[in-house]
Amino acid sequence: ALAPALTMLTHENLAAQVWALIPAMFLALYLRATYPVVVARVLCVALALLSATALLLAPAPAPMLWGALYVVCILAAAEVFGALGAALIAGALRDPLTGVFNRAGAVDAATNLAARAARRSENIAAIVFDVDHFKAVNDHHGHSAGDVALRLTAMRLTMSAGRHATVS
């Protein structure tokens, strides 16, 4: 996080200051896409303020307005493109029919859960089950009825599992 700001702080060429904004914007995008929203926003605001301060303290003669523009550009990149990236990541981890985690989401959730349990010295449990004769539902009642059955099963599991459980 310090590299873009340190680069801005040392530039004597005004054009180089503009180019130094790009890594800060990409870093803000990454932070917003991968960290929880509140944490990402705090980090992005800190990055934006650090970058604007470095710009204004640098030997290159940057107009004062550029400091505010740097803050706006970095935060806008984080919110617009970072939020889009976060939505794409979240969509890739969930089943579009049921809304529960797919295999990739289950692996990600299990990895995070195991790491948290290890840090806290807590136990975890996994329950695996299969919906018996599901093919017969599709064959006899049609795929739309099968979709309804899957949605209802996922909804009931999610509601009964509790807020600290993960359903995949």
N, C-alpha and C. Protein backbone atom coordinates (compact mmCIF):
# COMPACT_ATOMS: atom_id res chain seq x y z
N ALA A 1 0.83 -1.20 0.00
CA ALA A 1 0.00 0.00 0.00
C ALA A 1 0.86 1.25 0.00
N LEU A 2 2.06 1.15 0.53
CA LEU A 2 2.92 2.32 0.57
C LEU A 2 3.62 2.59 -0.75
N ALA A 3 3.78 1.56 -1.59
CA ALA A 3 4.55 1.74 -2.83
C ALA A 3 3.97 2.84 -3.73
N PRO A 4 2.64 2.87 -4.02
CA PRO A 4 2.15 3.96 -4.87
C PRO A 4 2.37 5.34 -4.23
N ALA A 5 2.15 5.44 -2.93
CA ALA A 5 2.32 6.73 -2.26
C ALA A 5 3.79 7.15 -2.24
N LEU A 6 4.69 6.21 -1.99
CA LEU A 6 6.12 6.54 -2.00
C LEU A 6 6.57 6.95 -3.39
N THR A 7 6.01 6.31 -4.40
CA THR A 7 6.34 6.68 -5.78
C THR A 7 5.88 8.11 -6.05
N MET A 8 4.67 8.44 -5.62
CA MET A 8 4.15 9.80 -5.82
C MET A 8 4.99 10.82 -5.06
N LEU A 9 5.43 10.46 -3.89
CA LEU A 9 6.18 11.38 -3.04
C LEU A 9 7.52 11.77 -3.65
N THR A 10 8.10 10.90 -4.47
CA THR A 10 9.44 11.16 -5.00
C THR A 10 9.46 11.69 -6.43
N HIS A 11 8.33 11.72 -7.11
CA HIS A 11 8.33 12.17 -8.51
C HIS A 11 8.55 13.67 -8.61
N GLU A 12 9.38 14.04 -9.58
CA GLU A 12 9.59 15.44 -9.89
C GLU A 12 8.87 15.83 -11.17
N ASN A 13 8.39 14.85 -11.90
CA ASN A 13 7.71 15.08 -13.16
C ASN A 13 6.20 14.96 -12.94
N LEU A 14 5.48 15.97 -13.38
CA LEU A 14 4.03 16.00 -13.17
C LEU A 14 3.32 14.87 -13.90
N ALA A 15 3.77 14.52 -15.09
CA ALA A 15 3.15 13.42 -15.84
C ALA A 15 3.32 12.09 -15.09
N ALA A 16 4.45 11.92 -14.43
CA ALA A 16 4.67 10.69 -13.67
C ALA A 16 3.70 10.60 -12.49
N GLN A 17 3.28 11.74 -11.96
CA GLN A 17 2.31 11.73 -10.86
C GLN A 17 0.97 11.17 -11.33
N VAL A 18 0.59 11.51 -12.55
CA VAL A 18 -0.67 11.01 -13.09
C VAL A 18 -0.58 9.49 -13.25
N TRP A 19 0.53 9.01 -13.79
CA TRP A 19 0.70 7.57 -13.98
C TRP A 19 0.78 6.84 -12.64
N ALA A 20 1.27 7.49 -11.61
CA ALA A 20 1.37 6.86 -10.30
C ALA A 20 0.00 6.66 -9.66
N LEU A 21 -1.01 7.33 -10.16
CA LEU A 21 -2.37 7.16 -9.64
C LEU A 21 -2.93 5.78 -10.00
N ILE A 22 -2.53 5.24 -11.13
CA ILE A 22 -3.11 3.98 -11.62
C ILE A 22 -2.87 2.82 -10.66
N PRO A 23 -1.64 2.60 -10.16
CA PRO A 23 -1.48 1.48 -9.20
C PRO A 23 -2.32 1.67 -7.93
N ALA A 24 -2.47 2.90 -7.48
CA ALA A 24 -3.30 3.14 -6.30
C ALA A 24 -4.76 2.79 -6.58
N MET A 25 -5.22 3.09 -7.77
CA MET A 25 -6.61 2.75 -8.13
C MET A 25 -6.79 1.23 -8.20
N PHE A 26 -5.81 0.53 -8.78
CA PHE A 26 -5.92 -0.93 -8.85
C PHE A 26 -5.83 -1.56 -7.47
N LEU A 27 -5.01 -1.00 -6.60
CA LEU A 27 -4.93 -1.52 -5.24
C LEU A 27 -6.27 -1.32 -4.52
N ALA A 28 -6.89 -0.16 -4.70
CA ALA A 28 -8.20 0.10 -4.10
C ALA A 28 -9.25 -0.87 -4.65
N LEU A 29 -9.20 -1.13 -5.94
CA LEU A 29 -10.12 -2.09 -6.56
C LEU A 29 -9.94 -3.47 -5.94
N TYR A 30 -8.70 -3.90 -5.78
CA TYR A 30 -8.41 -5.20 -5.17
C TYR A 30 -8.92 -5.26 -3.73
N LEU A 31 -8.65 -4.22 -2.96
CA LEU A 31 -9.10 -4.20 -1.57
C LEU A 31 -10.61 -4.32 -1.47
N ARG A 32 -11.32 -3.57 -2.31
CA ARG A 32 -12.79 -3.56 -2.25
C ARG A 32 -13.38 -4.89 -2.71
N ALA A 33 -12.72 -5.53 -3.67
CA ALA A 33 -13.25 -6.79 -4.19
C ALA A 33 -12.99 -7.97 -3.26
N THR A 34 -11.95 -7.91 -2.44
CA THR A 34 -11.56 -9.09 -1.67
C THR A 34 -11.78 -8.98 -0.17
N TYR A 35 -11.87 -7.80 0.38
CA TYR A 35 -12.05 -7.64 1.82
C TYR A 35 -13.52 -7.35 2.14
N PRO A 36 -13.92 -7.59 3.39
CA PRO A 36 -15.28 -7.20 3.78
C PRO A 36 -15.49 -5.70 3.53
N VAL A 37 -16.72 -5.30 3.23
CA VAL A 37 -17.01 -3.95 2.76
C VAL A 37 -16.48 -2.87 3.70
N VAL A 38 -16.76 -2.97 4.98
CA VAL A 38 -16.35 -1.92 5.91
C VAL A 38 -14.83 -1.82 6.00
N VAL A 39 -14.17 -2.95 6.11
CA VAL A 39 -12.70 -2.96 6.18
C VAL A 39 -12.12 -2.39 4.89
N ALA A 40 -12.66 -2.81 3.75
CA ALA A 40 -12.16 -2.33 2.46
C ALA A 40 -12.33 -0.82 2.33
N ARG A 41 -13.46 -0.31 2.75
CA ARG A 41 -13.69 1.14 2.64
C ARG A 41 -12.72 1.93 3.52
N VAL A 42 -12.47 1.45 4.72
CA VAL A 42 -11.51 2.13 5.60
C VAL A 42 -10.12 2.11 4.97
N LEU A 43 -9.71 0.96 4.46
CA LEU A 43 -8.40 0.85 3.82
C LEU A 43 -8.30 1.73 2.57
N CYS A 44 -9.36 1.80 1.79
CA CYS A 44 -9.35 2.62 0.58
C CYS A 44 -9.30 4.11 0.90
N VAL A 45 -10.02 4.52 1.93
CA VAL A 45 -9.96 5.93 2.35
C VAL A 45 -8.54 6.26 2.81
N ALA A 46 -7.93 5.37 3.59
CA ALA A 46 -6.56 5.60 4.04
C ALA A 46 -5.60 5.67 2.85
N LEU A 47 -5.78 4.77 1.89
CA LEU A 47 -4.94 4.78 0.69
C LEU A 47 -5.13 6.08 -0.09
N ALA A 48 -6.37 6.51 -0.26
CA ALA A 48 -6.65 7.73 -1.01
C ALA A 48 -6.04 8.95 -0.33
N LEU A 49 -6.20 9.05 0.98
CA LEU A 49 -5.64 10.20 1.71
C LEU A 49 -4.11 10.18 1.70
N LEU A 50 -3.54 8.99 1.84
CA LEU A 50 -2.08 8.86 1.78
C LEU A 50 -1.56 9.27 0.40
N SER A 51 -2.25 8.83 -0.64
CA SER A 51 -1.83 9.16 -2.01
C SER A 51 -1.96 10.66 -2.27
N ALA A 52 -3.06 11.27 -1.84
CA ALA A 52 -3.24 12.71 -2.05
C ALA A 52 -2.21 13.51 -1.28
N THR A 53 -1.92 13.09 -0.07
CA THR A 53 -0.89 13.77 0.73
C THR A 53 0.47 13.65 0.06
N ALA A 54 0.81 12.46 -0.41
CA ALA A 54 2.09 12.27 -1.10
C ALA A 54 2.17 13.13 -2.34
N LEU A 55 1.07 13.23 -3.08
CA LEU A 55 1.04 14.07 -4.28
C LEU A 55 1.34 15.53 -3.95
N LEU A 56 0.70 16.02 -2.90
CA LEU A 56 0.84 17.43 -2.55
C LEU A 56 2.20 17.73 -1.91
N LEU A 57 2.86 16.74 -1.33
CA LEU A 57 4.18 16.94 -0.73
C LEU A 57 5.32 16.69 -1.72
N ALA A 58 5.02 16.10 -2.85
CA ALA A 58 6.04 15.74 -3.84
C ALA A 58 6.66 16.99 -4.46
N PRO A 59 7.88 16.83 -4.98
CA PRO A 59 8.54 17.97 -5.61
C PRO A 59 7.88 18.44 -6.91
N ALA A 60 7.11 17.59 -7.56
CA ALA A 60 6.43 18.00 -8.79
C ALA A 60 5.35 19.03 -8.44
N PRO A 61 5.21 20.06 -9.26
CA PRO A 61 4.26 21.14 -8.94
C PRO A 61 2.82 20.78 -9.30
N ALA A 62 2.19 19.95 -8.52
CA ALA A 62 0.81 19.53 -8.79
C ALA A 62 -0.18 20.56 -8.25
N PRO A 63 -1.22 20.88 -9.01
CA PRO A 63 -2.24 21.79 -8.51
C PRO A 63 -2.95 21.19 -7.28
N MET A 64 -3.39 22.03 -6.37
CA MET A 64 -4.05 21.57 -5.14
C MET A 64 -5.30 20.74 -5.45
N LEU A 65 -6.02 21.09 -6.51
CA LEU A 65 -7.22 20.36 -6.86
C LEU A 65 -6.94 18.90 -7.17
N TRP A 66 -5.74 18.60 -7.62
CA TRP A 66 -5.40 17.23 -7.95
C TRP A 66 -5.48 16.33 -6.72
N GLY A 67 -5.19 16.85 -5.55
CA GLY A 67 -5.31 16.05 -4.33
C GLY A 67 -6.72 15.53 -4.15
N ALA A 68 -7.70 16.42 -4.33
CA ALA A 68 -9.10 16.00 -4.22
C ALA A 68 -9.47 15.04 -5.34
N LEU A 69 -8.96 15.29 -6.53
CA LEU A 69 -9.26 14.39 -7.66
C LEU A 69 -8.66 13.00 -7.43
N TYR A 70 -7.49 12.93 -6.82
CA TYR A 70 -6.89 11.63 -6.50
C TYR A 70 -7.79 10.86 -5.55
N VAL A 71 -8.28 11.53 -4.53
CA VAL A 71 -9.17 10.87 -3.57
C VAL A 71 -10.42 10.35 -4.28
N VAL A 72 -11.02 11.19 -5.11
CA VAL A 72 -12.24 10.79 -5.83
C VAL A 72 -11.95 9.62 -6.77
N CYS A 73 -10.87 9.67 -7.51
CA CYS A 73 -10.53 8.60 -8.47
C CYS A 73 -10.29 7.27 -7.75
N ILE A 74 -9.55 7.30 -6.67
CA ILE A 74 -9.24 6.07 -5.95
C ILE A 74 -10.49 5.48 -5.32
N LEU A 75 -11.30 6.31 -4.68
CA LEU A 75 -12.52 5.80 -4.04
C LEU A 75 -13.55 5.36 -5.08
N ALA A 76 -13.63 6.07 -6.19
CA ALA A 76 -14.57 5.68 -7.25
C ALA A 76 -14.16 4.34 -7.86
N ALA A 77 -12.87 4.16 -8.09
CA ALA A 77 -12.39 2.88 -8.63
C ALA A 77 -12.74 1.74 -7.67
N ALA A 78 -12.55 2.00 -6.38
CA ALA A 78 -12.85 0.97 -5.39
C ALA A 78 -14.34 0.64 -5.38
N GLU A 79 -15.18 1.65 -5.36
CA GLU A 79 -16.61 1.40 -5.24
C GLU A 79 -17.23 0.83 -6.51
N VAL A 80 -16.89 1.40 -7.64
CA VAL A 80 -17.53 0.96 -8.89
C VAL A 80 -16.97 -0.39 -9.34
N PHE A 81 -15.69 -0.45 -9.58
CA PHE A 81 -15.11 -1.67 -10.12
C PHE A 81 -14.87 -2.71 -9.04
N GLY A 82 -14.51 -2.28 -7.84
CA GLY A 82 -14.31 -3.22 -6.74
C GLY A 82 -15.60 -3.90 -6.33
N ALA A 83 -16.68 -3.14 -6.26
CA ALA A 83 -17.97 -3.73 -5.91
C ALA A 83 -18.42 -4.69 -7.00
N LEU A 84 -18.16 -4.34 -8.25
CA LEU A 84 -18.50 -5.25 -9.36
C LEU A 84 -17.69 -6.53 -9.24
N GLY A 85 -16.41 -6.41 -8.95
CA GLY A 85 -15.56 -7.59 -8.77
C GLY A 85 -16.04 -8.44 -7.61
N ALA A 86 -16.43 -7.80 -6.50
CA ALA A 86 -16.94 -8.55 -5.35
C ALA A 86 -18.23 -9.28 -5.72
N ALA A 87 -19.09 -8.64 -6.50
CA ALA A 87 -20.33 -9.28 -6.92
C ALA A 87 -20.05 -10.46 -7.84
N LEU A 88 -19.07 -10.32 -8.73
CA LEU A 88 -18.72 -11.43 -9.61
C LEU A 88 -18.14 -12.60 -8.83
N ILE A 89 -17.31 -12.30 -7.84
CA ILE A 89 -16.74 -13.36 -7.00
C ILE A 89 -17.85 -14.06 -6.23
N ALA A 90 -18.74 -13.27 -5.62
CA ALA A 90 -19.84 -13.86 -4.86
C ALA A 90 -20.73 -14.71 -5.76
N GLY A 91 -20.99 -14.25 -6.97
CA GLY A 91 -21.82 -15.00 -7.91
C GLY A 91 -21.16 -16.30 -8.35
N ALA A 92 -19.86 -16.29 -8.45
CA ALA A 92 -19.14 -17.48 -8.86
C ALA A 92 -19.11 -18.55 -7.77
N LEU A 93 -19.38 -18.16 -6.54
CA LEU A 93 -19.32 -19.09 -5.42
C LEU A 93 -20.69 -19.64 -5.01
N ARG A 94 -21.75 -19.18 -5.66
CA ARG A 94 -23.11 -19.60 -5.27
C ARG A 94 -23.83 -20.26 -6.45
N ASP A 95 -24.70 -21.18 -6.11
CA ASP A 95 -25.55 -21.83 -7.10
C ASP A 95 -26.65 -20.86 -7.49
N PRO A 96 -26.83 -20.59 -8.78
CA PRO A 96 -27.84 -19.59 -9.18
C PRO A 96 -29.28 -20.03 -8.90
N LEU A 97 -29.55 -21.32 -8.84
CA LEU A 97 -30.91 -21.79 -8.60
C LEU A 97 -31.30 -21.68 -7.12
N THR A 98 -30.42 -22.15 -6.24
CA THR A 98 -30.76 -22.24 -4.81
C THR A 98 -30.21 -21.09 -3.98
N GLY A 99 -29.14 -20.48 -4.44
CA GLY A 99 -28.51 -19.40 -3.68
C GLY A 99 -27.54 -19.89 -2.62
N VAL A 100 -27.41 -21.20 -2.43
CA VAL A 100 -26.44 -21.72 -1.47
C VAL A 100 -25.09 -21.85 -2.16
N PHE A 101 -24.04 -22.06 -1.38
CA PHE A 101 -22.71 -22.19 -1.95
C PHE A 101 -22.63 -23.38 -2.90
N ASN A 102 -21.93 -23.19 -4.02
CA ASN A 102 -21.62 -24.31 -4.91
C ASN A 102 -20.34 -24.98 -4.40
N ARG A 103 -19.75 -25.87 -5.19
CA ARG A 103 -18.56 -26.59 -4.72
C ARG A 103 -17.41 -25.63 -4.41
N ALA A 104 -17.16 -24.67 -5.28
CA ALA A 104 -16.08 -23.71 -5.03
C ALA A 104 -16.37 -22.88 -3.79
N GLY A 105 -17.61 -22.47 -3.62
CA GLY A 105 -17.99 -21.70 -2.44
C GLY A 105 -17.88 -22.52 -1.18
N ALA A 106 -18.24 -23.81 -1.27
CA ALA A 106 -18.14 -24.69 -0.11
C ALA A 106 -16.69 -24.87 0.31
N VAL A 107 -15.81 -25.04 -0.66
CA VAL A 107 -14.39 -25.18 -0.34
C VAL A 107 -13.86 -23.90 0.30
N ASP A 108 -14.23 -22.76 -0.26
CA ASP A 108 -13.81 -21.47 0.30
C ASP A 108 -14.35 -21.28 1.71
N ALA A 109 -15.63 -21.55 1.90
CA ALA A 109 -16.24 -21.40 3.23
C ALA A 109 -15.63 -22.37 4.23
N ALA A 110 -15.37 -23.61 3.81
CA ALA A 110 -14.78 -24.60 4.72
C ALA A 110 -13.35 -24.20 5.10
N THR A 111 -12.61 -23.67 4.15
CA THR A 111 -11.25 -23.21 4.44
C THR A 111 -11.27 -22.09 5.46
N ASN A 112 -12.15 -21.11 5.25
CA ASN A 112 -12.26 -20.00 6.20
C ASN A 112 -12.74 -20.47 7.56
N LEU A 113 -13.71 -21.37 7.58
CA LEU A 113 -14.25 -21.90 8.83
C LEU A 113 -13.18 -22.67 9.59
N ALA A 114 -12.42 -23.51 8.91
CA ALA A 114 -11.36 -24.29 9.56
C ALA A 114 -10.27 -23.37 10.12
N ALA A 115 -9.93 -22.34 9.37
CA ALA A 115 -8.91 -21.40 9.86
C ALA A 115 -9.40 -20.66 11.11
N ARG A 116 -10.66 -20.22 11.07
CA ARG A 116 -11.23 -19.51 12.23
C ARG A 116 -11.31 -20.44 13.44
N ALA A 117 -11.74 -21.67 13.21
CA ALA A 117 -11.83 -22.64 14.31
C ALA A 117 -10.46 -22.93 14.90
N ALA A 118 -9.44 -23.02 14.07
CA ALA A 118 -8.09 -23.27 14.57
C ALA A 118 -7.59 -22.10 15.40
N ARG A 119 -7.86 -20.88 14.94
CA ARG A 119 -7.43 -19.69 15.71
C ARG A 119 -8.10 -19.62 17.07
N ARG A 120 -9.36 -20.04 17.12
CA ARG A 120 -10.15 -19.94 18.35
C ARG A 120 -10.16 -21.24 19.16
N SER A 121 -9.45 -22.25 18.68
CA SER A 121 -9.44 -23.57 19.32
C SER A 121 -10.85 -24.12 19.48
N GLU A 122 -11.64 -24.00 18.43
CA GLU A 122 -13.02 -24.49 18.44
C GLU A 122 -13.13 -25.75 17.58
N ASN A 123 -14.17 -26.49 17.81
CA ASN A 123 -14.46 -27.67 17.00
C ASN A 123 -15.40 -27.28 15.86
N ILE A 124 -15.32 -28.03 14.77
CA ILE A 124 -16.27 -27.85 13.68
C ILE A 124 -16.83 -29.22 13.31
N ALA A 125 -17.97 -29.21 12.68
CA ALA A 125 -18.60 -30.46 12.24
C ALA A 125 -19.11 -30.28 10.82
N ALA A 126 -19.18 -31.38 10.10
CA ALA A 126 -19.73 -31.35 8.74
C ALA A 126 -20.80 -32.43 8.64
N ILE A 127 -21.91 -32.07 8.05
CA ILE A 127 -22.99 -33.02 7.81
C ILE A 127 -23.19 -33.08 6.30
N VAL A 128 -23.11 -34.27 5.76
CA VAL A 128 -23.27 -34.46 4.32
C VAL A 128 -24.47 -35.39 4.11
N PHE A 129 -25.34 -35.01 3.20
CA PHE A 129 -26.47 -35.87 2.89
C PHE A 129 -26.80 -35.78 1.42
N ASP A 130 -27.63 -36.69 0.99
CA ASP A 130 -28.03 -36.76 -0.41
C ASP A 130 -29.55 -36.77 -0.46
N VAL A 131 -30.11 -36.15 -1.47
CA VAL A 131 -31.56 -36.17 -1.67
C VAL A 131 -31.87 -37.44 -2.47
N ASP A 132 -32.47 -38.42 -1.78
CA ASP A 132 -32.74 -39.70 -2.42
C ASP A 132 -33.79 -39.56 -3.53
N HIS A 133 -33.57 -40.30 -4.58
CA HIS A 133 -34.52 -40.43 -5.69
C HIS A 133 -34.88 -39.08 -6.34
N PHE A 134 -33.94 -38.18 -6.36
CA PHE A 134 -34.22 -36.87 -6.95
C PHE A 134 -34.48 -36.97 -8.45
N LYS A 135 -33.79 -37.88 -9.11
CA LYS A 135 -33.98 -38.06 -10.55
C LYS A 135 -35.44 -38.44 -10.85
N ALA A 136 -36.04 -39.20 -9.96
CA ALA A 136 -37.44 -39.60 -10.16
C ALA A 136 -38.37 -38.38 -10.11
N VAL A 137 -38.05 -37.40 -9.28
CA VAL A 137 -38.86 -36.17 -9.23
C VAL A 137 -38.80 -35.47 -10.58
N ASN A 138 -37.61 -35.32 -11.12
CA ASN A 138 -37.45 -34.69 -12.44
C ASN A 138 -38.15 -35.49 -13.53
N ASP A 139 -37.99 -36.82 -13.49
CA ASP A 139 -38.56 -37.67 -14.54
C ASP A 139 -40.10 -37.68 -14.50
N HIS A 140 -40.69 -37.73 -13.31
CA HIS A 140 -42.15 -37.86 -13.19
C HIS A 140 -42.88 -36.52 -13.19
N HIS A 141 -42.26 -35.50 -12.61
CA HIS A 141 -42.95 -34.21 -12.43
C HIS A 141 -42.36 -33.08 -13.27
N GLY A 142 -41.26 -33.33 -13.92
CA GLY A 142 -40.64 -32.30 -14.75
C GLY A 142 -39.54 -31.54 -14.02
N HIS A 143 -38.68 -30.90 -14.81
CA HIS A 143 -37.54 -30.19 -14.24
C HIS A 143 -37.94 -28.96 -13.43
N SER A 144 -39.03 -28.32 -13.79
CA SER A 144 -39.45 -27.15 -13.01
C SER A 144 -39.87 -27.58 -11.60
N ALA A 145 -40.50 -28.74 -11.48
CA ALA A 145 -40.85 -29.27 -10.15
C ALA A 145 -39.59 -29.65 -9.39
N GLY A 146 -38.62 -30.20 -10.10
CA GLY A 146 -37.33 -30.53 -9.47
C GLY A 146 -36.63 -29.28 -8.96
N ASP A 147 -36.71 -28.21 -9.76
CA ASP A 147 -36.11 -26.93 -9.33
C ASP A 147 -36.78 -26.41 -8.07
N VAL A 148 -38.10 -26.51 -8.01
CA VAL A 148 -38.83 -26.07 -6.82
C VAL A 148 -38.41 -26.90 -5.62
N ALA A 149 -38.29 -28.22 -5.82
CA ALA A 149 -37.88 -29.10 -4.72
C ALA A 149 -36.48 -28.74 -4.22
N LEU A 150 -35.57 -28.45 -5.14
CA LEU A 150 -34.21 -28.05 -4.74
C LEU A 150 -34.22 -26.73 -3.99
N ARG A 151 -34.98 -25.75 -4.49
CA ARG A 151 -35.06 -24.45 -3.80
C ARG A 151 -35.63 -24.60 -2.40
N LEU A 152 -36.71 -25.37 -2.27
CA LEU A 152 -37.32 -25.58 -0.95
C LEU A 152 -36.37 -26.31 0.00
N THR A 153 -35.68 -27.32 -0.51
CA THR A 153 -34.71 -28.05 0.32
C THR A 153 -33.61 -27.12 0.79
N ALA A 154 -33.07 -26.32 -0.11
CA ALA A 154 -32.02 -25.37 0.26
C ALA A 154 -32.52 -24.34 1.26
N MET A 155 -33.73 -23.83 1.04
CA MET A 155 -34.30 -22.84 1.95
C MET A 155 -34.51 -23.43 3.35
N ARG A 156 -35.06 -24.63 3.42
CA ARG A 156 -35.30 -25.26 4.72
C ARG A 156 -34.00 -25.56 5.44
N LEU A 157 -33.01 -26.04 4.71
CA LEU A 157 -31.71 -26.29 5.33
C LEU A 157 -31.08 -25.01 5.86
N THR A 158 -31.14 -23.96 5.04
CA THR A 158 -30.56 -22.68 5.44
C THR A 158 -31.26 -22.12 6.67
N MET A 159 -32.59 -22.22 6.70
CA MET A 159 -33.35 -21.68 7.84
C MET A 159 -33.10 -22.48 9.11
N SER A 160 -32.97 -23.79 8.99
CA SER A 160 -32.80 -24.61 10.18
C SER A 160 -31.35 -24.73 10.62
N ALA A 161 -30.42 -24.41 9.76
CA ALA A 161 -29.00 -24.58 10.08
C ALA A 161 -28.50 -23.54 11.08
N GLY A 162 -29.10 -22.37 11.14
CA GLY A 162 -28.62 -21.35 12.05
C GLY A 162 -27.68 -20.37 11.36
N ARG A 163 -27.46 -19.27 12.03
CA ARG A 163 -26.70 -18.19 11.39
C ARG A 163 -25.20 -18.45 11.31
N HIS A 164 -24.67 -19.35 12.13
CA HIS A 164 -23.23 -19.64 12.10
C HIS A 164 -22.89 -20.83 11.21
N ALA A 165 -23.90 -21.45 10.60
CA ALA A 165 -23.69 -22.62 9.76
C ALA A 165 -23.55 -22.21 8.30
N THR A 166 -22.93 -23.08 7.53
CA THR A 166 -22.78 -22.86 6.09
C THR A 166 -23.49 -24.01 5.37
N VAL A 167 -24.37 -23.64 4.46
CA VAL A 167 -25.09 -24.64 3.66
C VAL A 167 -24.54 -24.57 2.24
N SER A 168 -24.19 -25.74 1.71
CA SER A 168 -23.64 -25.81 0.35
C SER A 168 -24.38 -26.84 -0.44
